Protein backbone atom coordinates (compact mmCIF):
# COMPACT_ATOMS: atom_id res chain seq x y z
CA MET A 1 124.83 108.58 106.66
CA ASP A 2 123.10 106.07 108.90
CA THR A 3 119.52 105.60 108.53
CA GLU A 4 117.20 104.50 111.43
CA ILE A 5 113.92 102.90 111.00
CA CYS A 6 111.53 103.75 113.78
CA GLY A 7 109.47 100.50 113.52
CA GLU A 8 108.22 98.80 116.65
CA LEU A 9 107.89 95.21 117.76
CA ASP A 10 104.85 94.98 119.94
CA VAL A 11 105.98 91.91 122.01
CA ASP A 12 109.15 89.67 121.45
CA ASP A 13 107.05 86.41 122.04
CA THR A 14 109.80 83.87 122.78
CA ASP A 15 107.37 81.14 124.05
CA GLY A 16 106.42 80.42 120.41
CA TYR A 17 102.76 81.00 120.66
CA GLY A 18 102.60 84.57 119.09
CA PRO A 19 101.54 86.54 117.36
CA GLU A 20 104.22 89.21 117.09
CA ASN A 21 103.53 92.33 115.36
CA PHE A 22 106.12 94.69 113.80
CA THR A 23 104.71 97.94 112.81
CA LEU A 24 106.06 100.89 110.67
CA GLU A 25 103.65 103.82 111.09
CA ARG A 26 102.58 105.91 108.09
CA GLY A 27 105.40 107.90 106.93
CA GLU A 28 108.22 105.84 108.72
CA ALA A 29 108.98 103.30 106.11
CA ILE A 30 111.90 104.18 103.76
CA ASP A 31 111.72 103.27 100.05
CA GLY A 32 113.55 99.89 99.48
CA ASP A 33 113.70 96.19 100.21
CA TYR A 34 112.76 94.69 103.59
CA LEU A 35 113.92 91.29 104.37
CA ILE A 36 111.35 89.10 106.34
CA GLU A 37 112.68 86.31 108.47
CA VAL A 38 111.43 84.14 111.29
CA ASN A 39 113.70 82.61 113.89
CA TYR A 40 112.57 79.79 116.26
CA TYR A 41 114.39 81.12 119.20
CA GLU A 42 112.93 79.33 122.26
CA ASP A 43 111.84 75.72 122.60
CA GLU A 44 109.10 76.29 125.28
CA GLY A 45 106.58 73.80 123.79
CA THR A 46 107.67 70.19 123.36
CA PRO A 47 111.43 69.99 123.40
CA GLY A 48 112.89 68.83 119.99
CA GLU A 49 109.64 69.42 118.12
CA PRO A 50 109.47 71.66 115.17
CA ILE A 51 107.14 74.63 114.91
CA VAL A 52 104.85 75.91 112.21
CA ALA A 53 105.03 79.64 111.47
CA LYS A 54 102.89 81.95 109.30
CA VAL A 55 103.67 85.52 108.22
CA VAL A 56 100.91 88.13 107.43
CA VAL A 57 101.98 91.29 105.89
CA HIS A 58 99.53 94.31 105.97
CA LEU A 59 100.51 97.18 103.62
CA ASN A 60 98.81 100.51 103.76
CA GLU A 61 96.53 99.29 106.59
CA GLY A 62 93.46 101.40 107.30
CA THR A 63 93.58 102.97 103.82
CA PRO A 64 91.58 102.20 100.65
CA TYR A 65 94.95 100.76 99.23
CA GLU A 66 95.28 98.22 102.09
CA THR A 67 96.49 94.73 100.92
CA VAL A 68 97.22 91.59 103.00
CA GLN A 69 99.72 89.03 101.98
CA THR A 70 100.10 85.64 103.89
CA TYR A 71 103.03 83.42 103.72
CA GLY A 72 103.24 79.85 105.15
CA PRO A 73 102.56 77.89 106.95
CA HIS A 74 106.08 76.91 107.13
CA THR A 75 107.77 74.28 109.40
CA ILE A 76 110.86 75.38 111.26
CA LEU A 77 112.81 72.29 112.31
CA LYS A 78 114.64 73.31 115.49
CA CYS A 79 115.14 76.24 117.83
CA ASP A 80 118.40 77.93 118.34
CA HIS A 81 119.18 80.56 121.06
CA ASN A 82 122.07 82.26 119.35
CA GLY A 83 120.40 82.22 115.86
CA THR A 84 123.33 80.65 113.92
CA ASP A 85 121.66 77.40 112.94
CA PRO A 86 120.07 77.62 109.35
CA GLU A 87 117.43 75.02 110.49
CA ALA A 88 116.15 77.59 113.17
CA TRP A 89 115.35 80.10 110.44
CA TRP A 90 112.71 80.76 107.85
CA THR A 91 113.76 83.24 105.27
CA VAL A 92 110.32 84.35 104.03
CA GLY A 93 111.36 86.81 101.28
CA ILE A 94 111.77 90.50 100.47
CA ILE A 95 108.96 92.96 100.38
CA HIS A 96 109.68 96.18 98.38
CA TRP A 97 108.19 99.40 99.70
CA PRO A 98 106.32 101.19 98.40
CA THR A 99 105.23 98.80 95.62
CA GLY A 100 104.48 95.88 97.83
CA SER A 101 106.17 93.53 95.44
CA PHE A 102 107.47 90.27 96.92
CA LYS A 103 110.40 88.05 95.91
CA LYS A 104 111.79 85.02 97.53
CA ALA A 105 115.18 85.47 99.20
CA LEU A 106 117.95 82.90 99.54
CA PRO A 107 118.96 82.47 103.24
CA PRO A 108 122.25 83.85 104.26
CA VAL A 109 124.90 81.27 104.61
CA ILE A 110 126.69 82.67 107.70
CA ARG A 111 124.74 84.33 110.54
CA SER A 112 126.04 86.30 113.48
CA PRO A 113 124.72 85.38 116.84
CA LEU A 114 121.59 87.03 117.99
CA PRO A 115 121.88 89.38 120.92
CA PRO A 116 120.98 88.01 124.35
CA LYS A 117 117.32 88.41 125.44
CA TRP A 118 116.85 90.33 128.78
């Protein structure tokens, strides 16, 4: 059985200035582990310069149980349009839902190319 998560990315901000927000509305999250990764996709700033990324995770936003977890800053060394260069990625870690526990994840060794941006 295939399970589809109905989360939504507000803007795919490929110019590197962000922020980007991915939201799962209350009741949409499926219990389990969620891998959080950042890809330096577009080199719109100074070509060849690394970027610094930060990830902020809000759990149970707008409820008395809300928690905020911040990861980074983290330097990503170079951009890569097809997503296969490990230096273009930051594997932040894994958040478990519903507990909110966090663990570091090892980056995958082999990546498939990212789909093209339209």
